[in-house]
Amino acid sequence: MGARGKTSIRAFIVIRVLLSEKYSFRHDLESFFWVLFWICVHYDGLGKDIGITKFKYWNYKNTIKLAKLKSRLVSRERYFLNCTKIFTPYYKPLVLWVNKLRKVVFLIDGRWEKEDRGLYS
């Protein structure tokens, strides 16, 4: 079967790629979201890794389970805001902005049908 598009750190792989969807322009934005989220829960400042968190296991889940976990986290604002409670003190001020990014990246009402270059700005 091979890697075929899944050659990243598992925690940063976008949901639809975990579910074997072909690459799309929006996947870059989603991957950025997951990297930012990871930083906010695993670091308390520049280079200050806080150690193991409940999200470290994402790198060991099978792709379907990981896709479901990620989908649940971003699907409802209350689920996401509950998870932001574990943002480290250094990154707590970013909760509002990371949530705004979540709303742009994860359109709940359906898939993105065409490229919107404005999203990159």
PDB file of N, CA and C in Angstrom:
ATOM      1  N   MET A   1       0.822  -1.188   0.000  1.00  0.00           N
ATOM      2  CA  MET A   1       0.000   0.000   0.000  1.00  0.00           C
ATOM      3  C   MET A   1       0.871   1.259   0.000  1.00  0.00           C
ATOM      4  N   GLY A   2       1.971   1.310   0.760  1.00  0.00           N
ATOM      5  CA  GLY A   2       2.879   2.451   0.722  1.00  0.00           C
ATOM      6  C   GLY A   2       2.355   3.672   1.434  1.00  0.00           C
ATOM      7  N   ALA A   3       3.171   4.711   1.463  1.00  0.00           N
ATOM      8  CA  ALA A   3       2.819   5.931   2.180  1.00  0.00           C
ATOM      9  C   ALA A   3       1.776   6.748   1.434  1.00  0.00           C
ATOM     10  N   ARG A   4       1.944   6.934   0.139  1.00  0.00           N
ATOM     11  CA  ARG A   4       1.023   7.657  -0.728  1.00  0.00           C
ATOM     12  C   ARG A   4       0.357   8.849  -0.048  1.00  0.00           C
ATOM     13  N   GLY A   5       1.124   9.906   0.225  1.00  0.00           N
ATOM     14  CA  GLY A   5       0.565  11.132   0.771  1.00  0.00           C
ATOM     15  C   GLY A   5       0.519  11.180   2.283  1.00  0.00           C
ATOM     16  N   LYS A   6       0.969  10.139   2.956  1.00  0.00           N
ATOM     17  CA  LYS A   6       0.911  10.098   4.407  1.00  0.00           C
ATOM     18  C   LYS A   6       2.312   9.994   4.992  1.00  0.00           C
ATOM     19  N   THR A   7       3.197  10.852   4.530  1.00  0.00           N
ATOM     20  CA  THR A   7       4.591  10.778   4.961  1.00  0.00           C
ATOM     21  C   THR A   7       4.962  11.933   5.882  1.00  0.00           C
ATOM     22  N   SER A   8       4.056  12.334   6.700  1.00  0.00           N
ATOM     23  CA  SER A   8       4.266  13.446   7.620  1.00  0.00           C
ATOM     24  C   SER A   8       4.216  12.925   9.053  1.00  0.00           C
ATOM     25  N   ILE A   9       4.464  13.805   9.993  1.00  0.00           N
ATOM     26  CA  ILE A   9       4.226  13.442  11.389  1.00  0.00           C
ATOM     27  C   ILE A   9       2.727  13.245  11.528  1.00  0.00           C
ATOM     28  N   ARG A  10       2.321  12.112  12.022  1.00  0.00           N
ATOM     29  CA  ARG A  10       0.903  11.724  12.025  1.00  0.00           C
ATOM     30  C   ARG A  10      -0.018  12.781  12.633  1.00  0.00           C
ATOM     31  N   ALA A  11       0.423  13.435  13.674  1.00  0.00           N
ATOM     32  CA  ALA A  11      -0.419  14.435  14.332  1.00  0.00           C
ATOM     33  C   ALA A  11      -0.727  15.625  13.430  1.00  0.00           C
ATOM     34  N   PHE A  12       0.088  15.843  12.391  1.00  0.00           N
ATOM     35  CA  PHE A  12      -0.093  16.992  11.511  1.00  0.00           C
ATOM     36  C   PHE A  12      -0.791  16.642  10.207  1.00  0.00           C
ATOM     37  N   ILE A  13      -1.028  15.377   9.968  1.00  0.00           N
ATOM     38  CA  ILE A  13      -1.690  14.956   8.725  1.00  0.00           C
ATOM     39  C   ILE A  13      -3.153  15.388   8.776  1.00  0.00           C
ATOM     40  N   VAL A  14      -3.618  15.943   7.688  1.00  0.00           N
ATOM     41  CA  VAL A  14      -4.991  16.452   7.639  1.00  0.00           C
ATOM     42  C   VAL A  14      -5.998  15.310   7.614  1.00  0.00           C
ATOM     43  N   ILE A  15      -7.186  15.614   8.099  1.00  0.00           N
ATOM     44  CA  ILE A  15      -8.233  14.591   8.285  1.00  0.00           C
ATOM     45  C   ILE A  15      -8.533  13.856   6.989  1.00  0.00           C
ATOM     46  N   ARG A  16      -8.784  14.582   5.921  1.00  0.00           N
ATOM     47  CA  ARG A  16      -9.195  13.935   4.671  1.00  0.00           C
ATOM     48  C   ARG A  16      -8.072  13.110   4.040  1.00  0.00           C
ATOM     49  N   VAL A  17      -6.834  13.476   4.275  1.00  0.00           N
ATOM     50  CA  VAL A  17      -5.719  12.660   3.778  1.00  0.00           C
ATOM     51  C   VAL A  17      -5.640  11.374   4.596  1.00  0.00           C
ATOM     52  N   LEU A  18      -5.907  11.463   5.901  1.00  0.00           N
ATOM     53  CA  LEU A  18      -5.969  10.249   6.717  1.00  0.00           C
ATOM     54  C   LEU A  18      -7.018   9.290   6.167  1.00  0.00           C
ATOM     55  N   LEU A  19      -8.063   9.852   5.570  1.00  0.00           N
ATOM     56  CA  LEU A  19      -9.147   9.050   5.000  1.00  0.00           C
ATOM     57  C   LEU A  19      -8.926   8.772   3.510  1.00  0.00           C
ATOM     58  N   SER A  20      -7.673   8.935   3.058  1.00  0.00           N
ATOM     59  CA  SER A  20      -7.233   8.593   1.697  1.00  0.00           C
ATOM     60  C   SER A  20      -7.737   9.517   0.600  1.00  0.00           C
ATOM     61  N   GLU A  21      -8.097  10.750   0.932  1.00  0.00           N
ATOM     62  CA  GLU A  21      -8.472  11.714  -0.101  1.00  0.00           C
ATOM     63  C   GLU A  21      -7.209  12.248  -0.759  1.00  0.00           C
ATOM     64  N   LYS A  22      -7.288  12.581  -2.032  1.00  0.00           N
ATOM     65  CA  LYS A  22      -6.153  13.161  -2.737  1.00  0.00           C
ATOM     66  C   LYS A  22      -5.863  14.553  -2.183  1.00  0.00           C
ATOM     67  N   TYR A  23      -4.622  14.988  -2.384  1.00  0.00           N
ATOM     68  CA  TYR A  23      -4.186  16.298  -1.919  1.00  0.00           C
ATOM     69  C   TYR A  23      -5.040  17.413  -2.499  1.00  0.00           C
ATOM     70  N   SER A  24      -5.328  18.410  -1.677  1.00  0.00           N
ATOM     71  CA  SER A  24      -6.089  19.579  -2.090  1.00  0.00           C
ATOM     72  C   SER A  24      -5.374  20.831  -1.589  1.00  0.00           C
ATOM     73  N   PHE A  25      -5.641  21.949  -2.222  1.00  0.00           N
ATOM     74  CA  PHE A  25      -5.052  23.220  -1.815  1.00  0.00           C
ATOM     75  C   PHE A  25      -5.297  23.529  -0.348  1.00  0.00           C
ATOM     76  N   ARG A  26      -6.435  23.149   0.179  1.00  0.00           N
ATOM     77  CA  ARG A  26      -6.784  23.491   1.552  1.00  0.00           C
ATOM     78  C   ARG A  26      -6.028  22.664   2.586  1.00  0.00           C
ATOM     79  N   HIS A  27      -5.415  21.591   2.180  1.00  0.00           N
ATOM     80  CA  HIS A  27      -4.694  20.743   3.125  1.00  0.00           C
ATOM     81  C   HIS A  27      -3.510  21.456   3.766  1.00  0.00           C
ATOM     82  N   ASP A  28      -2.882  22.389   3.048  1.00  0.00           N
ATOM     83  CA  ASP A  28      -1.792  23.163   3.636  1.00  0.00           C
ATOM     84  C   ASP A  28      -2.290  23.962   4.840  1.00  0.00           C
ATOM     85  N   LEU A  29      -3.462  24.561   4.699  1.00  0.00           N
ATOM     86  CA  LEU A  29      -4.028  25.363   5.792  1.00  0.00           C
ATOM     87  C   LEU A  29      -4.392  24.493   6.986  1.00  0.00           C
ATOM     88  N   GLU A  30      -4.961  23.336   6.709  1.00  0.00           N
ATOM     89  CA  GLU A  30      -5.323  22.452   7.814  1.00  0.00           C
ATOM     90  C   GLU A  30      -4.077  21.930   8.526  1.00  0.00           C
ATOM     91  N   SER A  31      -3.073  21.584   7.777  1.00  0.00           N
ATOM     92  CA  SER A  31      -1.841  21.111   8.397  1.00  0.00           C
ATOM     93  C   SER A  31      -1.236  22.204   9.282  1.00  0.00           C
ATOM     94  N   PHE A  32      -1.255  23.445   8.807  1.00  0.00           N
ATOM     95  CA  PHE A  32      -0.788  24.574   9.614  1.00  0.00           C
ATOM     96  C   PHE A  32      -1.585  24.657  10.914  1.00  0.00           C
ATOM     97  N   PHE A  33      -2.906  24.470  10.829  1.00  0.00           N
ATOM     98  CA  PHE A  33      -3.749  24.483  12.027  1.00  0.00           C
ATOM     99  C   PHE A  33      -3.273  23.439  13.030  1.00  0.00           C
ATOM    100  N   TRP A  34      -3.024  22.202  12.561  1.00  0.00           N
ATOM    101  CA  TRP A  34      -2.615  21.130  13.479  1.00  0.00           C
ATOM    102  C   TRP A  34      -1.244  21.394  14.091  1.00  0.00           C
ATOM    103  N   VAL A  35      -0.335  21.978  13.325  1.00  0.00           N
ATOM    104  CA  VAL A  35       0.984  22.326  13.871  1.00  0.00           C
ATOM    105  C   VAL A  35       0.819  23.391  14.962  1.00  0.00           C
ATOM    106  N   LEU A  36       0.032  24.414  14.683  1.00  0.00           N
ATOM    107  CA  LEU A  36      -0.197  25.477  15.666  1.00  0.00           C
ATOM    108  C   LEU A  36      -0.862  24.931  16.926  1.00  0.00           C
ATOM    109  N   PHE A  37      -1.876  24.093  16.755  1.00  0.00           N
ATOM    110  CA  PHE A  37      -2.547  23.478  17.901  1.00  0.00           C
ATOM    111  C   PHE A  37      -1.542  22.681  18.735  1.00  0.00           C
ATOM    112  N   TRP A  38      -0.710  21.895  18.062  1.00  0.00           N
ATOM    113  CA  TRP A  38       0.297  21.069  18.739  1.00  0.00           C
ATOM    114  C   TRP A  38       1.251  21.929  19.565  1.00  0.00           C
ATOM    115  N   ILE A  39       1.713  23.005  18.977  1.00  0.00           N
ATOM    116  CA  ILE A  39       2.618  23.916  19.688  1.00  0.00           C
ATOM    117  C   ILE A  39       1.930  24.475  20.937  1.00  0.00           C
ATOM    118  N   CYS A  40       0.679  24.869  20.803  1.00  0.00           N
ATOM    119  CA  CYS A  40      -0.047  25.485  21.918  1.00  0.00           C
ATOM    120  C   CYS A  40      -0.282  24.536  23.088  1.00  0.00           C
ATOM    121  N   VAL A  41      -0.338  23.242  22.831  1.00  0.00           N
ATOM    122  CA  VAL A  41      -0.572  22.293  23.936  1.00  0.00           C
ATOM    123  C   VAL A  41       0.698  21.591  24.411  1.00  0.00           C
ATOM    124  N   HIS A  42       1.783  21.685  23.649  1.00  0.00           N
ATOM    125  CA  HIS A  42       3.006  20.966  24.021  1.00  0.00           C
ATOM    126  C   HIS A  42       4.187  21.843  24.409  1.00  0.00           C
ATOM    127  N   TYR A  43       4.057  23.158  24.235  1.00  0.00           N
ATOM    128  CA  TYR A  43       5.172  24.061  24.546  1.00  0.00           C
ATOM    129  C   TYR A  43       4.680  25.219  25.395  1.00  0.00           C
ATOM    130  N   ASP A  44       5.496  25.638  26.320  1.00  0.00           N
ATOM    131  CA  ASP A  44       5.169  26.780  27.168  1.00  0.00           C
ATOM    132  C   ASP A  44       6.189  27.890  26.922  1.00  0.00           C
ATOM    133  N   GLY A  45       6.296  28.252  25.675  1.00  0.00           N
ATOM    134  CA  GLY A  45       7.267  29.253  25.254  1.00  0.00           C
ATOM    135  C   GLY A  45       8.210  28.643  24.235  1.00  0.00           C
ATOM    136  N   LEU A  46       9.068  29.457  23.708  1.00  0.00           N
ATOM    137  CA  LEU A  46       9.982  29.012  22.660  1.00  0.00           C
ATOM    138  C   LEU A  46      10.925  27.923  23.167  1.00  0.00           C
ATOM    139  N   GLY A  47      10.823  26.746  22.573  1.00  0.00           N
ATOM    140  CA  GLY A  47      11.712  25.642  22.921  1.00  0.00           C
ATOM    141  C   GLY A  47      11.449  25.004  24.270  1.00  0.00           C
ATOM    142  N   LYS A  48      10.338  25.320  24.913  1.00  0.00           N
ATOM    143  CA  LYS A  48      10.042  24.781  26.245  1.00  0.00           C
ATOM    144  C   LYS A  48       8.968  23.692  26.162  1.00  0.00           C
ATOM    145  N   ASP A  49       9.388  22.509  25.744  1.00  0.00           N
ATOM    146  CA  ASP A  49       8.497  21.351  25.635  1.00  0.00           C
ATOM    147  C   ASP A  49       8.050  20.957  27.038  1.00  0.00           C
ATOM    148  N   ILE A  50       6.725  20.798  27.222  1.00  0.00           N
ATOM    149  CA  ILE A  50       6.216  20.458  28.557  1.00  0.00           C
ATOM    150  C   ILE A  50       6.164  18.954  28.795  1.00  0.00           C
ATOM    151  N   GLY A  51       6.500  18.154  27.788  1.00  0.00           N
ATOM    152  CA  GLY A  51       6.483  16.706  27.948  1.00  0.00           C
ATOM    153  C   GLY A  51       5.200  16.089  27.407  1.00  0.00           C
ATOM    154  N   ILE A  52       4.871  14.951  27.956  1.00  0.00           N
ATOM    155  CA  ILE A  52       3.750  14.157  27.439  1.00  0.00           C
ATOM    156  C   ILE A  52       2.404  14.804  27.771  1.00  0.00           C
ATOM    157  N   THR A  53       1.542  14.860  26.755  1.00  0.00           N
ATOM    158  CA  THR A  53       0.166  15.318  26.937  1.00  0.00           C
ATOM    159  C   THR A  53      -0.759  14.243  26.377  1.00  0.00           C
ATOM    160  N   LYS A  54      -2.049  14.462  26.532  1.00  0.00           N
ATOM    161  CA  LYS A  54      -3.001  13.469  26.022  1.00  0.00           C
ATOM    162  C   LYS A  54      -3.011  13.388  24.499  1.00  0.00           C
ATOM    163  N   PHE A  55      -2.389  14.344  23.825  1.00  0.00           N
ATOM    164  CA  PHE A  55      -2.356  14.321  22.363  1.00  0.00           C
ATOM    165  C   PHE A  55      -1.145  13.591  21.794  1.00  0.00           C
ATOM    166  N   LYS A  56      -0.167  13.258  22.603  1.00  0.00           N
ATOM    167  CA  LYS A  56       1.029  12.551  22.107  1.00  0.00           C
ATOM    168  C   LYS A  56       0.649  11.207  21.469  1.00  0.00           C
ATOM    169  N   TYR A  57      -0.411  10.581  21.963  1.00  0.00           N
ATOM    170  CA  TYR A  57      -0.812   9.276  21.426  1.00  0.00           C
ATOM    171  C   TYR A  57      -1.337   9.373  19.999  1.00  0.00           C
ATOM    172  N   TRP A  58      -1.623  10.580  19.509  1.00  0.00           N
ATOM    173  CA  TRP A  58      -2.085  10.728  18.127  1.00  0.00           C
ATOM    174  C   TRP A  58      -1.092  10.125  17.147  1.00  0.00           C
ATOM    175  N   ASN A  59       0.171  10.149  17.459  1.00  0.00           N
ATOM    176  CA  ASN A  59       1.181   9.623  16.545  1.00  0.00           C
ATOM    177  C   ASN A  59       1.185   8.100  16.484  1.00  0.00           C
ATOM    178  N   TYR A  60       0.378   7.450  17.311  1.00  0.00           N
ATOM    179  CA  TYR A  60       0.361   5.984  17.359  1.00  0.00           C
ATOM    180  C   TYR A  60      -1.010   5.395  17.024  1.00  0.00           C
ATOM    181  N   LYS A  61      -2.007   6.224  16.788  1.00  0.00           N
ATOM    182  CA  LYS A  61      -3.346   5.746  16.436  1.00  0.00           C
ATOM    183  C   LYS A  61      -3.384   5.334  14.972  1.00  0.00           C
ATOM    184  N   ASN A  62      -4.273   4.396  14.645  1.00  0.00           N
ATOM    185  CA  ASN A  62      -4.429   4.074  13.227  1.00  0.00           C
ATOM    186  C   ASN A  62      -5.125   5.256  12.540  1.00  0.00           C
ATOM    187  N   THR A  63      -5.031   5.302  11.236  1.00  0.00           N
ATOM    188  CA  THR A  63      -5.480   6.488  10.504  1.00  0.00           C
ATOM    189  C   THR A  63      -6.971   6.778  10.679  1.00  0.00           C
ATOM    190  N   ILE A  64      -7.798   5.762  10.692  1.00  0.00           N
ATOM    191  CA  ILE A  64      -9.246   5.984  10.830  1.00  0.00           C
ATOM    192  C   ILE A  64      -9.570   6.545  12.218  1.00  0.00           C
ATOM    193  N   LYS A  65      -8.997   5.965  13.256  1.00  0.00           N
ATOM    194  CA  LYS A  65      -9.241   6.470  14.615  1.00  0.00           C
ATOM    195  C   LYS A  65      -8.722   7.888  14.778  1.00  0.00           C
ATOM    196  N   LEU A  66      -7.559   8.162  14.214  1.00  0.00           N
ATOM    197  CA  LEU A  66      -6.999   9.509  14.312  1.00  0.00           C
ATOM    198  C   LEU A  66      -7.885  10.511  13.579  1.00  0.00           C
ATOM    199  N   ALA A  67      -8.378  10.149  12.418  1.00  0.00           N
ATOM    200  CA  ALA A  67      -9.279  11.036  11.670  1.00  0.00           C
ATOM    201  C   ALA A  67     -10.539  11.324  12.484  1.00  0.00           C
ATOM    202  N   LYS A  68     -11.085  10.324  13.140  1.00  0.00           N
ATOM    203  CA  LYS A  68     -12.288  10.516  13.962  1.00  0.00           C
ATOM    204  C   LYS A  68     -11.998  11.413  15.161  1.00  0.00           C
ATOM    205  N   LEU A  69     -10.861  11.210  15.816  1.00  0.00           N
ATOM    206  CA  LEU A  69     -10.491  12.049  16.969  1.00  0.00           C
ATOM    207  C   LEU A  69     -10.341  13.511  16.550  1.00  0.00           C
ATOM    208  N   LYS A  70      -9.653  13.730  15.451  1.00  0.00           N
ATOM    209  CA  LYS A  70      -9.452  15.090  14.976  1.00  0.00           C
ATOM    210  C   LYS A  70     -10.773  15.723  14.540  1.00  0.00           C
ATOM    211  N   SER A  71     -11.589  14.970  13.835  1.00  0.00           N
ATOM    212  CA  SER A  71     -12.876  15.487  13.379  1.00  0.00           C
ATOM    213  C   SER A  71     -13.739  15.915  14.553  1.00  0.00           C
ATOM    214  N   ARG A  72     -13.771  15.094  15.581  1.00  0.00           N
ATOM    215  CA  ARG A  72     -14.567  15.442  16.766  1.00  0.00           C
ATOM    216  C   ARG A  72     -14.036  16.716  17.419  1.00  0.00           C
ATOM    217  N   LEU A  73     -12.740  16.840  17.511  1.00  0.00           N
ATOM    218  CA  LEU A  73     -12.130  17.998  18.165  1.00  0.00           C
ATOM    219  C   LEU A  73     -12.529  19.304  17.488  1.00  0.00           C
ATOM    220  N   VAL A  74     -12.584  19.313  16.165  1.00  0.00           N
ATOM    221  CA  VAL A  74     -12.853  20.559  15.444  1.00  0.00           C
ATOM    222  C   VAL A  74     -14.305  20.729  15.016  1.00  0.00           C
ATOM    223  N   SER A  75     -15.135  19.714  15.174  1.00  0.00           N
ATOM    224  CA  SER A  75     -16.489  19.756  14.634  1.00  0.00           C
ATOM    225  C   SER A  75     -17.432  20.687  15.387  1.00  0.00           C
ATOM    226  N   ARG A  76     -17.241  20.834  16.647  1.00  0.00           N
ATOM    227  CA  ARG A  76     -18.109  21.690  17.457  1.00  0.00           C
ATOM    228  C   ARG A  76     -17.251  22.629  18.288  1.00  0.00           C
ATOM    229  N   GLU A  77     -17.681  23.853  18.349  1.00  0.00           N
ATOM    230  CA  GLU A  77     -16.901  24.852  19.077  1.00  0.00           C
ATOM    231  C   GLU A  77     -16.706  24.466  20.536  1.00  0.00           C
ATOM    232  N   ARG A  78     -17.727  23.919  21.156  1.00  0.00           N
ATOM    233  CA  ARG A  78     -17.581  23.575  22.590  1.00  0.00           C
ATOM    234  C   ARG A  78     -16.542  22.481  22.799  1.00  0.00           C
ATOM    235  N   TYR A  79     -16.441  21.512  21.885  1.00  0.00           N
ATOM    236  CA  TYR A  79     -15.409  20.475  22.001  1.00  0.00           C
ATOM    237  C   TYR A  79     -14.024  21.110  21.879  1.00  0.00           C
ATOM    238  N   PHE A  80     -13.907  21.988  20.890  1.00  0.00           N
ATOM    239  CA  PHE A  80     -12.618  22.606  20.669  1.00  0.00           C
ATOM    240  C   PHE A  80     -12.229  23.494  21.857  1.00  0.00           C
ATOM    241  N   LEU A  81     -13.142  24.322  22.315  1.00  0.00           N
ATOM    242  CA  LEU A  81     -12.821  25.216  23.427  1.00  0.00           C
ATOM    243  C   LEU A  81     -12.498  24.436  24.692  1.00  0.00           C
ATOM    244  N   ASN A  82     -13.117  23.284  24.865  1.00  0.00           N
ATOM    245  CA  ASN A  82     -12.775  22.432  26.002  1.00  0.00           C
ATOM    246  C   ASN A  82     -11.315  21.972  25.903  1.00  0.00           C
ATOM    247  N   CYS A  83     -10.876  21.626  24.709  1.00  0.00           N
ATOM    248  CA  CYS A  83      -9.479  21.209  24.521  1.00  0.00           C
ATOM    249  C   CYS A  83      -8.508  22.362  24.689  1.00  0.00           C
ATOM    250  N   THR A  84      -8.940  23.573  24.404  1.00  0.00           N
ATOM    251  CA  THR A  84      -8.029  24.705  24.545  1.00  0.00           C
ATOM    252  C   THR A  84      -7.744  25.022  26.010  1.00  0.00           C
ATOM    253  N   LYS A  85      -8.475  24.419  26.918  1.00  0.00           N
ATOM    254  CA  LYS A  85      -8.190  24.598  28.346  1.00  0.00           C
ATOM    255  C   LYS A  85      -6.803  24.080  28.694  1.00  0.00           C
ATOM    256  N   ILE A  86      -6.272  23.182  27.866  1.00  0.00           N
ATOM    257  CA  ILE A  86      -4.930  22.674  28.163  1.00  0.00           C
ATOM    258  C   ILE A  86      -3.841  23.397  27.370  1.00  0.00           C
ATOM    259  N   PHE A  87      -4.203  24.475  26.665  1.00  0.00           N
ATOM    260  CA  PHE A  87      -3.155  25.319  26.072  1.00  0.00           C
ATOM    261  C   PHE A  87      -2.259  25.761  27.230  1.00  0.00           C
ATOM    262  N   THR A  88      -0.988  25.771  26.996  1.00  0.00           N
ATOM    263  CA  THR A  88      -0.073  26.194  28.050  1.00  0.00           C
ATOM    264  C   THR A  88      -0.271  27.690  28.327  1.00  0.00           C
ATOM    265  N   PRO A  89       0.118  28.144  29.520  1.00  0.00           N
ATOM    266  CA  PRO A  89      -0.068  29.563  29.852  1.00  0.00           C
ATOM    267  C   PRO A  89       0.513  30.519  28.810  1.00  0.00           C
ATOM    268  N   TYR A  90       1.645  30.159  28.247  1.00  0.00           N
ATOM    269  CA  TYR A  90       2.287  31.023  27.258  1.00  0.00           C
ATOM    270  C   TYR A  90       1.399  31.221  26.028  1.00  0.00           C
ATOM    271  N   TYR A  91       0.654  30.185  25.633  1.00  0.00           N
ATOM    272  CA  TYR A  91      -0.152  30.240  24.418  1.00  0.00           C
ATOM    273  C   TYR A  91      -1.639  30.470  24.669  1.00  0.00           C
ATOM    274  N   LYS A  92      -2.068  30.579  25.912  1.00  0.00           N
ATOM    275  CA  LYS A  92      -3.481  30.850  26.211  1.00  0.00           C
ATOM    276  C   LYS A  92      -4.026  32.062  25.448  1.00  0.00           C
ATOM    277  N   PRO A  93      -3.236  33.141  25.301  1.00  0.00           N
ATOM    278  CA  PRO A  93      -3.765  34.295  24.559  1.00  0.00           C
ATOM    279  C   PRO A  93      -4.137  33.989  23.103  1.00  0.00           C
ATOM    280  N   LEU A  94      -3.693  32.861  22.576  1.00  0.00           N
ATOM    281  CA  LEU A  94      -3.996  32.503  21.188  1.00  0.00           C
ATOM    282  C   LEU A  94      -5.305  31.732  21.018  1.00  0.00           C
ATOM    283  N   VAL A  95      -5.967  31.367  22.099  1.00  0.00           N
ATOM    284  CA  VAL A  95      -7.191  30.547  21.996  1.00  0.00           C
ATOM    285  C   VAL A  95      -8.185  31.170  21.025  1.00  0.00           C
ATOM    286  N   LEU A  96      -8.488  32.440  21.180  1.00  0.00           N
ATOM    287  CA  LEU A  96      -9.453  33.117  20.308  1.00  0.00           C
ATOM    288  C   LEU A  96      -9.033  33.018  18.845  1.00  0.00           C
ATOM    289  N   TRP A  97      -7.752  33.224  18.558  1.00  0.00           N
ATOM    290  CA  TRP A  97      -7.263  33.235  17.189  1.00  0.00           C
ATOM    291  C   TRP A  97      -7.191  31.835  16.592  1.00  0.00           C
ATOM    292  N   VAL A  98      -6.821  30.861  17.393  1.00  0.00           N
ATOM    293  CA  VAL A  98      -6.778  29.483  16.896  1.00  0.00           C
ATOM    294  C   VAL A  98      -8.208  29.006  16.612  1.00  0.00           C
ATOM    295  N   ASN A  99      -9.152  29.422  17.448  1.00  0.00           N
ATOM    296  CA  ASN A  99     -10.553  29.063  17.203  1.00  0.00           C
ATOM    297  C   ASN A  99     -11.063  29.739  15.929  1.00  0.00           C
ATOM    298  N   LYS A 100     -10.681  30.981  15.694  1.00  0.00           N
ATOM    299  CA  LYS A 100     -11.080  31.650  14.450  1.00  0.00           C
ATOM    300  C   LYS A 100     -10.505  30.916  13.237  1.00  0.00           C
ATOM    301  N   LEU A 101      -9.259  30.495  13.345  1.00  0.00           N
ATOM    302  CA  LEU A 101      -8.650  29.729  12.261  1.00  0.00           C
ATOM    303  C   LEU A 101      -9.404  28.416  12.058  1.00  0.00           C
ATOM    304  N   ARG A 102      -9.782  27.757  13.139  1.00  0.00           N
ATOM    305  CA  ARG A 102     -10.557  26.508  13.053  1.00  0.00           C
ATOM    306  C   ARG A 102     -11.834  26.720  12.246  1.00  0.00           C
ATOM    307  N   LYS A 103     -12.510  27.823  12.498  1.00  0.00           N
ATOM    308  CA  LYS A 103     -13.771  28.103  11.798  1.00  0.00           C
ATOM    309  C   LYS A 103     -13.568  28.315  10.299  1.00  0.00           C
ATOM    310  N   VAL A 104     -12.422  28.864   9.926  1.00  0.00           N
ATOM    311  CA  VAL A 104     -12.136  29.085   8.502  1.00  0.00           C
ATOM    312  C   VAL A 104     -11.702  27.789   7.824  1.00  0.00           C
ATOM    313  N   VAL A 105     -10.840  27.047   8.486  1.00  0.00           N
ATOM    314  CA  VAL A 105     -10.262  25.850   7.881  1.00  0.00           C
ATOM    315  C   VAL A 105     -11.263  24.711   7.793  1.00  0.00           C
ATOM    316  N   PHE A 106     -12.084  24.556   8.820  1.00  0.00           N
ATOM    317  CA  PHE A 106     -13.007  23.419   8.873  1.00  0.00           C
ATOM    318  C   PHE A 106     -14.430  23.893   8.631  1.00  0.00           C
ATOM    319  N   LEU A 107     -14.776  24.015   7.369  1.00  0.00           N
ATOM    320  CA  LEU A 107     -16.142  24.394   7.037  1.00  0.00           C
ATOM    321  C   LEU A 107     -17.058  23.225   7.369  1.00  0.00           C
ATOM    322  N   ILE A 108     -17.914  23.425   8.335  1.00  0.00           N
ATOM    323  CA  ILE A 108     -18.762  22.345   8.822  1.00  0.00           C
ATOM    324  C   ILE A 108     -19.882  22.010   7.829  1.00  0.00           C
ATOM    325  N   ASP A 109     -20.284  22.968   7.002  1.00  0.00           N
ATOM    326  CA  ASP A 109     -21.418  22.762   6.103  1.00  0.00           C
ATOM    327  C   ASP A 109     -21.080  22.011   4.820  1.00  0.00           C
ATOM    328  N   GLY A 110     -19.888  21.530   4.666  1.00  0.00           N
ATOM    329  CA  GLY A 110     -19.568  20.737   3.486  1.00  0.00           C
ATOM    330  C   GLY A 110     -18.131  20.907   3.041  1.00  0.00           C
ATOM    331  N   ARG A 111     -17.771  20.167   2.021  1.00  0.00           N
ATOM    332  CA  ARG A 111     -16.407  20.193   1.497  1.00  0.00           C
ATOM    333  C   ARG A 111     -16.181  21.458   0.690  1.00  0.00           C
ATOM    334  N   TRP A 112     -14.967  21.822   0.594  1.00  0.00           N
ATOM    335  CA  TRP A 112     -14.578  22.971  -0.216  1.00  0.00           C
ATOM    336  C   TRP A 112     -14.540  22.503  -1.658  1.00  0.00           C
ATOM    337  N   GLU A 113     -15.317  23.127  -2.495  1.00  0.00           N
ATOM    338  CA  GLU A 113     -15.427  22.683  -3.867  1.00  0.00           C
ATOM    339  C   GLU A 113     -14.433  23.350  -4.806  1.00  0.00           C
ATOM    340  N   LYS A 114     -14.049  24.576  -4.510  1.00  0.00           N
ATOM    341  CA  LYS A 114     -13.096  25.262  -5.392  1.00  0.00           C
ATOM    342  C   LYS A 114     -12.095  26.024  -4.547  1.00  0.00           C
ATOM    343  N   GLU A 115     -10.965  26.283  -5.150  1.00  0.00           N
ATOM    344  CA  GLU A 115      -9.891  26.974  -4.466  1.00  0.00           C
ATOM    345  C   GLU A 115     -10.258  28.419  -4.165  1.00  0.00           C
ATOM    346  N   ASP A 116      -9.954  28.878  -2.969  1.00  0.00           N
ATOM    347  CA  ASP A 116     -10.143  30.273  -2.574  1.00  0.00           C
ATOM    348  C   ASP A 116      -8.777  30.806  -2.169  1.00  0.00           C
ATOM    349  N   ARG A 117      -8.102  31.449  -3.094  1.00  0.00           N
ATOM    350  CA  ARG A 117      -6.743  31.942  -2.833  1.00  0.00           C
ATOM    351  C   ARG A 117      -6.720  32.990  -1.720  1.00  0.00           C
ATOM    352  N   GLY A 118      -7.842  33.617  -1.420  1.00  0.00           N
ATOM    353  CA  GLY A 118      -7.926  34.597  -0.356  1.00  0.00           C
ATOM    354  C   GLY A 118      -7.649  33.990   1.009  1.00  0.00           C
ATOM    355  N   LEU A 119      -7.854  32.696   1.152  1.00  0.00           N
ATOM    356  CA  LEU A 119      -7.603  32.025   2.426  1.00  0.00           C
ATOM    357  C   LEU A 119      -6.137  32.089   2.823  1.00  0.00           C
ATOM    358  N   TYR A 120      -5.256  32.131   1.845  1.00  0.00           N
ATOM    359  CA  TYR A 120      -3.829  32.161   2.154  1.00  0.00           C
ATOM    360  C   TYR A 120      -3.400  33.502   2.739  1.00  0.00           C
ATOM    361  N   SER A 121      -4.196  34.525   2.538  1.00  0.00           N
ATOM    362  CA  SER A 121      -3.846  35.823   3.113  1.00  0.00           C
ATOM    363  C   SER A 121      -4.546  35.979   4.446  1.00  0.00           C
TER     364      SER A 121
END
